[in-house]
């Protein structure tokens, strides 16, 4: 009979010990993990217009005998990499109906992160599709970039903006040249794939 009592006592002590170990283990794993420290990355972000492309436009004169139109591209904003800036001002100086200019803007990703062009801004307004804007007698057409994703370090694409002097302008009342300007910018997000 004494052996039975010792066996039950030992079994109870073993069960209590196992339960105690389980409670302590649960409490140890149930505490909040707190990590103190700092982290850093060597990634950089740089998507912009290539400001070395200052003469990338084609001008067409509306009348062979008329005064030749002119155009300019002025880049602005802080360069994130040599020659890559966030905005460009496009100006068209026209004299008669049919005068036009087509600008080809080069956009490049010089950062170490894949990127996607989410939208563009035209005169401060965000747009995500082609736009037609009339300013005075000049009609601007802004097209979205040819490729919306840009690989890290090497991704490039182009976008086209055109301007044309309206053919409906009454030249009997119009005697001077007309200059109109628009500003184009980029809204870019990180992309998981190129």
N, C-alpha and C. Protein backbone atom coordinates (compact mmCIF):
# COMPACT_ATOMS: atom_id res chain seq x y z
N UNK A 1 0.81 -1.18 0.00
CA UNK A 1 0.00 0.00 0.00
C UNK A 1 0.86 1.25 0.00
N UNK A 2 1.98 1.19 0.65
CA UNK A 2 2.86 2.32 0.70
C UNK A 2 3.38 2.66 -0.69
N UNK A 3 3.65 1.68 -1.53
CA UNK A 3 4.14 1.91 -2.88
C UNK A 3 3.12 2.65 -3.71
N UNK A 4 1.82 2.34 -3.53
CA UNK A 4 0.78 3.02 -4.27
C UNK A 4 0.76 4.50 -3.91
N UNK A 5 0.90 4.81 -2.64
CA UNK A 5 0.89 6.19 -2.19
C UNK A 5 2.09 6.94 -2.76
N UNK A 6 3.26 6.36 -2.76
CA UNK A 6 4.45 7.00 -3.30
C UNK A 6 4.31 7.23 -4.80
N UNK A 7 3.70 6.28 -5.49
CA UNK A 7 3.52 6.41 -6.94
C UNK A 7 2.57 7.57 -7.25
N UNK A 8 1.48 7.70 -6.50
CA UNK A 8 0.52 8.78 -6.72
C UNK A 8 1.16 10.13 -6.36
N UNK A 9 1.91 10.18 -5.31
CA UNK A 9 2.55 11.41 -4.90
C UNK A 9 3.56 11.88 -5.95
N UNK A 10 4.34 10.91 -6.43
CA UNK A 10 5.32 11.25 -7.46
C UNK A 10 4.62 11.75 -8.72
N UNK A 11 3.55 11.09 -9.10
CA UNK A 11 2.79 11.48 -10.30
C UNK A 11 2.21 12.88 -10.13
N UNK A 12 1.70 13.22 -8.99
CA UNK A 12 1.14 14.55 -8.72
C UNK A 12 2.24 15.60 -8.80
N UNK A 13 3.40 15.32 -8.18
CA UNK A 13 4.51 16.27 -8.24
C UNK A 13 5.00 16.48 -9.67
N UNK A 14 5.04 15.41 -10.45
CA UNK A 14 5.47 15.50 -11.85
C UNK A 14 4.48 16.35 -12.64
N UNK A 15 3.19 16.10 -12.45
CA UNK A 15 2.16 16.88 -13.16
C UNK A 15 2.21 18.36 -12.75
N UNK A 16 2.41 18.63 -11.48
CA UNK A 16 2.52 20.02 -11.02
C UNK A 16 3.76 20.67 -11.63
N UNK A 17 4.86 19.94 -11.69
CA UNK A 17 6.09 20.48 -12.27
C UNK A 17 5.91 20.78 -13.75
N UNK A 18 5.29 19.87 -14.48
CA UNK A 18 5.04 20.09 -15.92
C UNK A 18 4.13 21.29 -16.12
N UNK A 19 3.08 21.40 -15.33
CA UNK A 19 2.15 22.53 -15.44
C UNK A 19 2.89 23.83 -15.13
N UNK A 20 3.74 23.84 -14.13
CA UNK A 20 4.50 25.05 -13.77
C UNK A 20 5.42 25.45 -14.92
N UNK A 21 6.10 24.48 -15.51
CA UNK A 21 6.99 24.77 -16.64
C UNK A 21 6.20 25.33 -17.81
N UNK A 22 5.03 24.76 -18.07
CA UNK A 22 4.20 25.26 -19.17
C UNK A 22 3.73 26.69 -18.92
N UNK A 23 3.33 27.00 -17.70
CA UNK A 23 2.89 28.35 -17.36
C UNK A 23 4.04 29.34 -17.53
N UNK A 24 5.22 28.98 -17.05
CA UNK A 24 6.39 29.86 -17.18
C UNK A 24 6.75 30.04 -18.65
N UNK A 25 6.70 28.96 -19.42
CA UNK A 25 7.00 29.05 -20.86
C UNK A 25 6.00 29.92 -21.60
N UNK A 26 4.72 29.77 -21.28
CA UNK A 26 3.70 30.60 -21.92
C UNK A 26 3.92 32.07 -21.58
N UNK A 27 4.22 32.36 -20.32
CA UNK A 27 4.45 33.74 -19.91
C UNK A 27 5.67 34.32 -20.61
N UNK A 28 6.69 33.51 -20.79
CA UNK A 28 7.91 34.00 -21.45
C UNK A 28 7.64 34.33 -22.92
N UNK A 29 6.86 33.51 -23.59
CA UNK A 29 6.57 33.74 -25.02
C UNK A 29 5.46 34.77 -25.23
N UNK A 30 4.72 35.07 -24.19
CA UNK A 30 3.59 35.98 -24.31
C UNK A 30 3.98 37.43 -24.03
N UNK A 31 5.22 37.72 -23.74
CA UNK A 31 5.64 39.09 -23.47
C UNK A 31 5.83 39.84 -24.79
N UNK A 32 5.72 41.15 -24.72
CA UNK A 32 5.86 41.99 -25.91
C UNK A 32 7.31 42.08 -26.33
N UNK A 33 7.54 41.88 -27.63
CA UNK A 33 8.89 42.02 -28.18
C UNK A 33 9.15 43.49 -28.46
N UNK A 34 10.23 44.00 -27.92
CA UNK A 34 10.58 45.39 -28.14
C UNK A 34 11.99 45.45 -28.71
N UNK A 35 12.10 46.12 -29.87
CA UNK A 35 13.40 46.24 -30.53
C UNK A 35 13.79 47.70 -30.51
N UNK A 36 14.96 47.99 -30.01
CA UNK A 36 15.48 49.35 -30.00
C UNK A 36 16.66 49.41 -30.94
N UNK A 37 16.72 50.49 -31.73
CA UNK A 37 17.85 50.65 -32.63
C UNK A 37 17.42 51.47 -33.84
N UNK A 38 18.30 51.57 -34.81
CA UNK A 38 18.02 52.33 -36.03
C UNK A 38 18.31 51.46 -37.23
N UNK A 39 17.69 51.82 -38.34
CA UNK A 39 17.92 51.10 -39.60
C UNK A 39 18.18 52.13 -40.69
N UNK A 40 18.92 51.73 -41.68
CA UNK A 40 19.19 52.64 -42.79
C UNK A 40 19.24 51.85 -44.09
N UNK A 41 19.14 52.58 -45.20
CA UNK A 41 19.21 51.96 -46.51
C UNK A 41 20.06 52.82 -47.42
N UNK A 42 20.62 52.20 -48.42
CA UNK A 42 21.43 52.95 -49.38
C UNK A 42 20.64 53.30 -50.64
N UNK A 43 19.34 53.05 -50.63
CA UNK A 43 18.50 53.33 -51.81
C UNK A 43 18.37 54.84 -52.00
N UNK A 44 18.30 55.27 -53.26
CA UNK A 44 18.04 56.69 -53.54
C UNK A 44 16.93 56.80 -54.57
N UNK A 45 16.27 57.94 -54.58
CA UNK A 45 15.07 58.17 -55.38
C UNK A 45 15.34 59.35 -56.30
N UNK A 46 15.27 59.12 -57.62
CA UNK A 46 15.52 60.22 -58.56
C UNK A 46 14.87 59.91 -59.90
N UNK A 47 13.74 60.56 -60.16
CA UNK A 47 13.07 60.45 -61.45
C UNK A 47 12.83 61.88 -61.93
N UNK A 48 13.23 62.19 -63.15
CA UNK A 48 13.07 63.56 -63.62
C UNK A 48 13.21 63.69 -65.12
N UNK A 49 12.96 64.92 -65.60
CA UNK A 49 13.14 65.25 -67.00
C UNK A 49 14.62 65.50 -67.27
N UNK A 50 15.11 65.03 -68.39
CA UNK A 50 16.51 65.23 -68.78
C UNK A 50 16.66 66.65 -69.33
N UNK A 51 17.30 67.53 -68.55
CA UNK A 51 17.38 68.93 -68.98
C UNK A 51 18.49 69.20 -70.00
N UNK A 52 19.17 68.15 -70.46
CA UNK A 52 20.11 68.35 -71.57
C UNK A 52 19.38 68.34 -72.90
N UNK A 53 18.11 67.93 -72.90
CA UNK A 53 17.32 67.84 -74.14
C UNK A 53 16.55 69.15 -74.37
N UNK A 54 17.26 70.27 -74.45
CA UNK A 54 16.62 71.58 -74.54
C UNK A 54 16.11 71.92 -75.94
N UNK A 55 16.52 71.19 -76.95
CA UNK A 55 16.07 71.49 -78.32
C UNK A 55 15.30 70.33 -78.92
N UNK A 56 14.66 69.53 -78.09
CA UNK A 56 13.94 68.37 -78.57
C UNK A 56 12.50 68.76 -78.91
N UNK A 57 12.36 69.52 -79.97
CA UNK A 57 11.02 69.87 -80.45
C UNK A 57 11.08 70.13 -81.95
N UNK A 58 9.92 70.01 -82.58
CA UNK A 58 9.82 70.24 -84.03
C UNK A 58 8.80 71.36 -84.26
N UNK A 59 9.23 72.39 -84.99
CA UNK A 59 8.37 73.54 -85.27
C UNK A 59 7.91 73.48 -86.72
N UNK A 60 6.63 73.78 -86.90
CA UNK A 60 6.06 73.84 -88.26
C UNK A 60 5.45 75.23 -88.45
N UNK A 61 5.78 75.88 -89.57
CA UNK A 61 5.24 77.19 -89.90
C UNK A 61 3.90 76.99 -90.60
N UNK A 62 2.89 77.75 -90.17
CA UNK A 62 1.55 77.61 -90.73
C UNK A 62 1.45 78.06 -92.18
N UNK A 63 2.18 79.10 -92.57
CA UNK A 63 2.17 79.61 -93.95
C UNK A 63 3.61 79.79 -94.39
N UNK A 64 3.87 79.39 -95.61
CA UNK A 64 5.24 79.47 -96.13
C UNK A 64 5.77 80.90 -96.12
N UNK A 65 4.89 81.89 -96.32
CA UNK A 65 5.33 83.29 -96.39
C UNK A 65 5.26 83.99 -95.03
N UNK A 66 4.76 83.29 -94.02
CA UNK A 66 4.58 83.93 -92.72
C UNK A 66 5.86 83.96 -91.91
N UNK A 67 5.77 84.62 -90.74
CA UNK A 67 6.89 84.69 -89.80
C UNK A 67 7.05 83.34 -89.11
N UNK A 68 8.27 82.92 -88.94
CA UNK A 68 8.52 81.61 -88.31
C UNK A 68 8.18 81.63 -86.83
N UNK A 69 7.45 80.61 -86.37
CA UNK A 69 7.16 80.51 -84.94
C UNK A 69 8.42 80.08 -84.18
N UNK A 70 8.35 80.16 -82.86
CA UNK A 70 9.48 79.71 -82.03
C UNK A 70 8.96 78.99 -80.80
N UNK A 71 9.87 78.27 -80.15
CA UNK A 71 9.49 77.50 -78.96
C UNK A 71 10.68 77.42 -78.02
N UNK A 72 10.39 77.23 -76.73
CA UNK A 72 11.45 77.04 -75.74
C UNK A 72 11.02 75.98 -74.73
N UNK A 73 12.03 75.38 -74.11
CA UNK A 73 11.83 74.43 -73.02
C UNK A 73 12.71 74.92 -71.87
N UNK A 74 12.11 75.21 -70.72
CA UNK A 74 12.87 75.69 -69.57
C UNK A 74 12.63 74.74 -68.41
N UNK A 75 13.69 74.11 -67.93
CA UNK A 75 13.58 73.15 -66.85
C UNK A 75 13.74 73.85 -65.52
N UNK A 76 13.02 73.35 -64.49
CA UNK A 76 13.10 74.00 -63.18
C UNK A 76 13.01 72.95 -62.07
N UNK A 77 13.36 73.40 -60.89
CA UNK A 77 13.36 72.51 -59.73
C UNK A 77 14.77 72.02 -59.44
N UNK A 78 14.95 71.48 -58.26
CA UNK A 78 16.25 70.99 -57.84
C UNK A 78 16.56 69.66 -58.52
N UNK A 79 17.71 69.57 -59.15
CA UNK A 79 18.11 68.33 -59.82
C UNK A 79 18.38 67.25 -58.77
N UNK A 80 17.76 66.08 -58.96
CA UNK A 80 18.01 64.98 -58.03
C UNK A 80 19.24 64.19 -58.44
N UNK A 81 19.67 64.38 -59.66
CA UNK A 81 20.87 63.76 -60.22
C UNK A 81 21.32 64.71 -61.31
N UNK A 82 22.56 64.70 -61.69
CA UNK A 82 23.04 65.66 -62.70
C UNK A 82 22.13 65.66 -63.91
N UNK A 83 21.52 66.82 -64.20
CA UNK A 83 20.68 67.05 -65.38
C UNK A 83 19.27 66.46 -65.32
N UNK A 84 18.79 66.04 -64.16
CA UNK A 84 17.43 65.50 -64.06
C UNK A 84 16.63 66.32 -63.06
N UNK A 85 15.55 66.97 -63.56
CA UNK A 85 14.78 67.90 -62.74
C UNK A 85 13.29 67.55 -62.80
N UNK A 86 12.48 68.02 -61.84
CA UNK A 86 11.09 67.58 -61.73
C UNK A 86 10.08 68.27 -62.65
N UNK A 87 10.37 69.46 -63.15
CA UNK A 87 9.37 70.16 -63.96
C UNK A 87 10.00 70.80 -65.19
N UNK A 88 9.13 71.07 -66.17
CA UNK A 88 9.58 71.75 -67.39
C UNK A 88 8.48 72.73 -67.81
N UNK A 89 8.91 73.94 -68.19
CA UNK A 89 8.00 74.95 -68.74
C UNK A 89 8.17 74.96 -70.25
N UNK A 90 7.05 74.83 -70.96
CA UNK A 90 7.08 74.82 -72.42
C UNK A 90 6.40 76.09 -72.92
N UNK A 91 7.08 76.82 -73.80
CA UNK A 91 6.53 78.07 -74.34
C UNK A 91 6.47 77.97 -75.86
N UNK A 92 5.34 78.44 -76.41
CA UNK A 92 5.17 78.49 -77.87
C UNK A 92 4.86 79.92 -78.26
N UNK A 93 5.58 80.42 -79.25
CA UNK A 93 5.37 81.79 -79.76
C UNK A 93 4.94 81.66 -81.23
N UNK A 94 3.64 81.93 -81.50
CA UNK A 94 3.06 81.70 -82.82
C UNK A 94 2.58 83.01 -83.44
N UNK A 95 2.48 82.99 -84.79
CA UNK A 95 2.09 84.17 -85.55
C UNK A 95 0.82 83.99 -86.37
N UNK A 96 0.55 82.79 -86.83
CA UNK A 96 -0.61 82.60 -87.70
C UNK A 96 -1.18 81.19 -87.54
N UNK A 97 -2.43 81.00 -87.97
CA UNK A 97 -3.03 79.67 -87.91
C UNK A 97 -2.15 78.64 -88.61
N UNK A 98 -2.08 77.47 -88.01
CA UNK A 98 -1.25 76.40 -88.57
C UNK A 98 0.13 76.32 -87.95
N UNK A 99 0.60 77.39 -87.31
CA UNK A 99 1.87 77.30 -86.60
C UNK A 99 1.74 76.22 -85.52
N UNK A 100 2.76 75.40 -85.38
CA UNK A 100 2.68 74.35 -84.36
C UNK A 100 4.07 73.95 -83.90
N UNK A 101 4.10 73.30 -82.75
CA UNK A 101 5.35 72.75 -82.22
C UNK A 101 5.00 71.45 -81.50
N UNK A 102 5.88 70.47 -81.63
CA UNK A 102 5.74 69.20 -80.91
C UNK A 102 7.00 68.99 -80.09
N UNK A 103 6.83 68.90 -78.77
CA UNK A 103 7.94 68.69 -77.84
C UNK A 103 8.01 67.20 -77.50
N UNK A 104 9.20 66.65 -77.42
CA UNK A 104 9.42 65.29 -76.92
C UNK A 104 10.26 65.40 -75.66
N UNK A 105 9.65 65.03 -74.54
CA UNK A 105 10.31 65.15 -73.24
C UNK A 105 10.85 63.79 -72.81
N UNK A 106 12.10 63.75 -72.40
CA UNK A 106 12.73 62.51 -71.94
C UNK A 106 12.67 62.46 -70.42
N UNK A 107 12.17 61.34 -69.90
CA UNK A 107 12.06 61.11 -68.46
C UNK A 107 12.95 59.92 -68.12
N UNK A 108 13.72 60.02 -67.06
CA UNK A 108 14.61 58.92 -66.68
C UNK A 108 14.57 58.66 -65.19
N UNK A 109 14.81 57.41 -64.83
CA UNK A 109 14.95 57.01 -63.44
C UNK A 109 16.44 56.83 -63.17
N UNK A 110 17.03 57.72 -62.40
CA UNK A 110 18.44 57.64 -62.03
C UNK A 110 18.61 57.15 -60.60
N UNK A 111 17.51 56.76 -59.95
CA UNK A 111 17.58 56.24 -58.59
C UNK A 111 17.77 54.74 -58.57
N UNK A 112 17.92 54.20 -57.39
CA UNK A 112 18.18 52.77 -57.24
C UNK A 112 16.91 51.98 -56.90
N UNK A 113 15.74 52.59 -57.11
CA UNK A 113 14.47 51.96 -56.81
C UNK A 113 13.60 51.97 -58.07
N UNK A 114 12.95 50.84 -58.38
CA UNK A 114 12.02 50.80 -59.51
C UNK A 114 10.89 51.80 -59.25
N UNK A 115 10.42 52.46 -60.31
CA UNK A 115 9.40 53.50 -60.14
C UNK A 115 8.33 53.38 -61.22
N UNK A 116 7.19 53.99 -60.94
CA UNK A 116 6.10 54.06 -61.91
C UNK A 116 5.55 55.48 -61.91
N UNK A 117 5.23 55.99 -63.10
CA UNK A 117 4.63 57.31 -63.21
C UNK A 117 3.14 57.15 -62.92
N UNK A 118 2.71 57.70 -61.80
CA UNK A 118 1.32 57.57 -61.36
C UNK A 118 0.42 58.54 -62.11
N UNK A 119 0.91 59.76 -62.32
CA UNK A 119 0.15 60.79 -63.03
C UNK A 119 1.13 61.91 -63.36
N UNK A 120 0.63 62.93 -64.05
CA UNK A 120 1.45 64.11 -64.33
C UNK A 120 0.68 65.34 -63.87
N UNK A 121 1.39 66.43 -63.74
CA UNK A 121 0.71 67.69 -63.45
C UNK A 121 0.87 68.61 -64.65
N UNK A 122 -0.20 69.30 -64.96
CA UNK A 122 -0.20 70.29 -66.03
C UNK A 122 -0.71 71.58 -65.41
N UNK A 123 0.17 72.58 -65.34
CA UNK A 123 -0.16 73.86 -64.69
C UNK A 123 -0.70 73.65 -63.28
N UNK A 124 -0.11 72.69 -62.57
CA UNK A 124 -0.48 72.44 -61.18
C UNK A 124 -1.65 71.50 -60.98
N UNK A 125 -2.32 71.08 -62.05
CA UNK A 125 -3.45 70.16 -61.94
C UNK A 125 -3.00 68.73 -62.25
N UNK A 126 -3.36 67.80 -61.38
CA UNK A 126 -2.99 66.40 -61.58
C UNK A 126 -3.91 65.76 -62.61
N UNK A 127 -3.31 65.09 -63.60
CA UNK A 127 -4.08 64.39 -64.64
C UNK A 127 -3.48 63.01 -64.85
N UNK A 128 -4.33 62.06 -65.27
CA UNK A 128 -3.85 60.70 -65.50
C UNK A 128 -4.22 60.21 -66.89
N UNK A 129 -4.59 61.13 -67.77
CA UNK A 129 -4.88 60.78 -69.17
C UNK A 129 -4.54 61.98 -70.04
N UNK A 130 -4.54 61.78 -71.34
CA UNK A 130 -4.21 62.86 -72.27
C UNK A 130 -5.16 64.04 -72.06
N UNK A 131 -4.62 65.25 -72.21
CA UNK A 131 -5.39 66.47 -71.96
C UNK A 131 -5.27 67.43 -73.13
N UNK A 132 -6.36 68.15 -73.41
CA UNK A 132 -6.35 69.24 -74.38
C UNK A 132 -6.68 70.52 -73.62
N UNK A 133 -5.82 71.51 -73.75
CA UNK A 133 -5.98 72.77 -73.01
C UNK A 133 -5.87 73.92 -74.00
N UNK A 134 -6.83 74.82 -73.95
CA UNK A 134 -6.79 76.00 -74.82
C UNK A 134 -6.40 77.21 -73.99
N UNK A 135 -5.37 77.91 -74.47
CA UNK A 135 -4.93 79.15 -73.85
C UNK A 135 -4.85 80.19 -74.96
N UNK A 136 -5.68 81.19 -74.87
CA UNK A 136 -5.73 82.19 -75.93
C UNK A 136 -6.08 81.53 -77.25
N UNK A 137 -5.25 81.74 -78.27
CA UNK A 137 -5.47 81.13 -79.59
C UNK A 137 -4.65 79.86 -79.79
N UNK A 138 -4.05 79.37 -78.72
CA UNK A 138 -3.18 78.20 -78.83
C UNK A 138 -3.81 77.00 -78.12
N UNK A 139 -3.85 75.88 -78.82
CA UNK A 139 -4.38 74.63 -78.26
C UNK A 139 -3.19 73.73 -77.90
N UNK A 140 -3.12 73.34 -76.64
CA UNK A 140 -2.09 72.43 -76.15
C UNK A 140 -2.66 71.03 -76.03
N UNK A 141 -1.89 70.03 -76.41
CA UNK A 141 -2.26 68.63 -76.22
C UNK A 141 -1.12 67.96 -75.45
N UNK A 142 -1.46 67.43 -74.29
CA UNK A 142 -0.48 66.78 -73.41
C UNK A 142 -0.81 65.29 -73.39
N UNK A 143 0.15 64.48 -73.79
CA UNK A 143 -0.02 63.03 -73.84
C UNK A 143 0.73 62.38 -72.68
N UNK A 144 0.21 61.26 -72.21
CA UNK A 144 0.87 60.53 -71.13
C UNK A 144 2.17 59.91 -71.64
N UNK A 145 3.11 59.62 -70.73
CA UNK A 145 4.37 59.00 -71.15
C UNK A 145 4.14 57.68 -71.87
N UNK A 146 5.07 57.35 -72.78
CA UNK A 146 4.96 56.13 -73.57
C UNK A 146 5.03 54.89 -72.68
N UNK A 147 5.86 54.91 -71.67
CA UNK A 147 6.00 53.79 -70.74
C UNK A 147 5.84 54.34 -69.33
N UNK A 148 4.97 53.74 -68.55
CA UNK A 148 4.68 54.27 -67.22
C UNK A 148 5.57 53.68 -66.12
N UNK A 149 6.36 52.64 -66.43
CA UNK A 149 7.26 52.06 -65.44
C UNK A 149 8.71 52.32 -65.84
N UNK A 150 9.53 52.56 -64.84
CA UNK A 150 10.93 52.90 -65.07
C UNK A 150 11.82 52.04 -64.17
N UNK A 151 12.66 51.23 -64.78
CA UNK A 151 13.58 50.38 -64.02
C UNK A 151 14.57 51.24 -63.24
N UNK A 152 15.01 50.72 -62.11
CA UNK A 152 16.01 51.41 -61.31
C UNK A 152 17.27 51.67 -62.12
N UNK A 153 17.81 52.85 -61.97
CA UNK A 153 19.09 53.29 -62.55
C UNK A 153 19.08 53.52 -64.07
N UNK A 154 18.30 52.78 -64.82
CA UNK A 154 18.42 52.84 -66.29
C UNK A 154 17.11 53.12 -67.02
N UNK A 155 15.99 53.11 -66.34
CA UNK A 155 14.70 53.24 -67.02
C UNK A 155 14.49 54.62 -67.64
N UNK A 156 14.08 54.65 -68.90
CA UNK A 156 13.77 55.92 -69.58
C UNK A 156 12.47 55.77 -70.36
N UNK A 157 11.82 56.88 -70.58
CA UNK A 157 10.63 56.92 -71.41
C UNK A 157 10.51 58.34 -71.97
N UNK A 158 9.58 58.54 -72.86
CA UNK A 158 9.34 59.88 -73.41
C UNK A 158 7.86 60.20 -73.32
N UNK A 159 7.57 61.48 -73.34
CA UNK A 159 6.19 61.93 -73.45
C UNK A 159 6.15 63.09 -74.43
N UNK A 160 5.01 63.25 -75.07
CA UNK A 160 4.86 64.26 -76.12
C UNK A 160 3.86 65.32 -75.67
N UNK A 161 4.21 66.58 -75.94
CA UNK A 161 3.32 67.72 -75.73
C UNK A 161 3.34 68.51 -77.02
N UNK A 162 2.16 68.88 -77.52
CA UNK A 162 2.12 69.67 -78.76
C UNK A 162 1.29 70.93 -78.54
N UNK A 163 1.56 71.93 -79.38
CA UNK A 163 0.80 73.19 -79.34
C UNK A 163 0.55 73.62 -80.77
N UNK A 164 -0.65 74.17 -81.01
CA UNK A 164 -0.99 74.63 -82.37
C UNK A 164 -1.84 75.89 -82.30
N UNK A 165 -1.53 76.81 -83.19
CA UNK A 165 -2.32 78.04 -83.30
C UNK A 165 -3.66 77.65 -83.96
N UNK A 166 -4.78 78.02 -83.34
CA UNK A 166 -6.09 77.64 -83.86
C UNK A 166 -6.33 78.19 -85.26
N UNK A 167 -6.89 77.36 -86.10
CA UNK A 167 -7.19 77.77 -87.48
C UNK A 167 -8.40 78.70 -87.56
N UNK A 168 -9.14 78.83 -86.48
CA UNK A 168 -10.36 79.66 -86.50
C UNK A 168 -10.09 81.11 -86.11
N UNK A 169 -8.86 81.46 -85.82
CA UNK A 169 -8.55 82.82 -85.39
C UNK A 169 -8.76 83.80 -86.54
N UNK A 170 -9.45 84.88 -86.25
CA UNK A 170 -9.70 85.94 -87.25
C UNK A 170 -8.49 86.85 -87.31
N UNK A 171 -7.68 86.68 -88.36
CA UNK A 171 -6.45 87.46 -88.46
C UNK A 171 -6.68 88.92 -88.82
N UNK A 172 -7.90 89.29 -89.23
CA UNK A 172 -8.16 90.71 -89.49
C UNK A 172 -8.17 91.49 -88.17
N UNK A 173 -8.44 90.79 -87.06
CA UNK A 173 -8.43 91.44 -85.74
C UNK A 173 -7.19 91.07 -84.95
N UNK A 174 -6.34 90.26 -85.52
CA UNK A 174 -5.19 89.73 -84.79
C UNK A 174 -3.92 90.13 -85.53
N UNK A 175 -3.11 90.97 -84.94
CA UNK A 175 -1.96 91.51 -85.66
C UNK A 175 -0.61 91.21 -85.01
N UNK A 176 -0.58 90.68 -83.79
CA UNK A 176 0.69 90.44 -83.09
C UNK A 176 0.89 88.95 -82.87
N UNK A 177 2.09 88.60 -82.47
CA UNK A 177 2.36 87.20 -82.13
C UNK A 177 1.71 86.89 -80.78
N UNK A 178 1.58 85.61 -80.51
CA UNK A 178 1.01 85.19 -79.23
C UNK A 178 1.91 84.13 -78.63
N UNK A 179 2.23 84.31 -77.35
CA UNK A 179 3.04 83.33 -76.62
C UNK A 179 2.22 82.77 -75.47
N UNK A 180 2.19 81.45 -75.38
CA UNK A 180 1.53 80.78 -74.26
C UNK A 180 2.48 79.74 -73.69
N UNK A 181 2.35 79.50 -72.38
CA UNK A 181 3.25 78.58 -71.68
C UNK A 181 2.45 77.61 -70.83
N UNK A 182 2.92 76.37 -70.74
CA UNK A 182 2.37 75.42 -69.76
C UNK A 182 3.54 74.80 -69.00
N UNK A 183 3.22 74.33 -67.79
CA UNK A 183 4.22 73.68 -66.94
C UNK A 183 3.81 72.23 -66.73
N UNK A 184 4.75 71.32 -66.95
CA UNK A 184 4.50 69.89 -66.82
C UNK A 184 5.40 69.32 -65.72
N UNK A 185 4.80 68.52 -64.84
CA UNK A 185 5.57 67.87 -63.77
C UNK A 185 5.20 66.40 -63.67
N UNK A 186 5.90 65.67 -62.82
CA UNK A 186 5.72 64.23 -62.67
C UNK A 186 5.26 63.88 -61.27
N UNK A 187 4.34 62.92 -61.18
CA UNK A 187 3.95 62.32 -59.90
C UNK A 187 4.34 60.84 -59.99
N UNK A 188 5.31 60.45 -59.19
CA UNK A 188 5.90 59.12 -59.33
C UNK A 188 5.77 58.34 -58.03
N UNK A 189 5.55 57.02 -58.15
CA UNK A 189 5.46 56.15 -56.98
C UNK A 189 6.46 55.00 -57.15
N UNK A 190 6.75 54.33 -56.04
CA UNK A 190 7.64 53.18 -56.11
C UNK A 190 6.91 52.01 -56.76
N UNK A 191 7.64 51.26 -57.56
CA UNK A 191 7.08 50.10 -58.25
C UNK A 191 7.82 48.86 -57.80
N UNK A 192 7.09 47.76 -57.65
CA UNK A 192 7.73 46.51 -57.21
C UNK A 192 8.44 45.82 -58.35
N UNK A 193 8.05 46.11 -59.58
CA UNK A 193 8.68 45.47 -60.75
C UNK A 193 8.90 46.50 -61.82
N UNK A 194 9.85 46.24 -62.67
CA UNK A 194 10.14 47.19 -63.75
C UNK A 194 9.48 46.74 -65.03
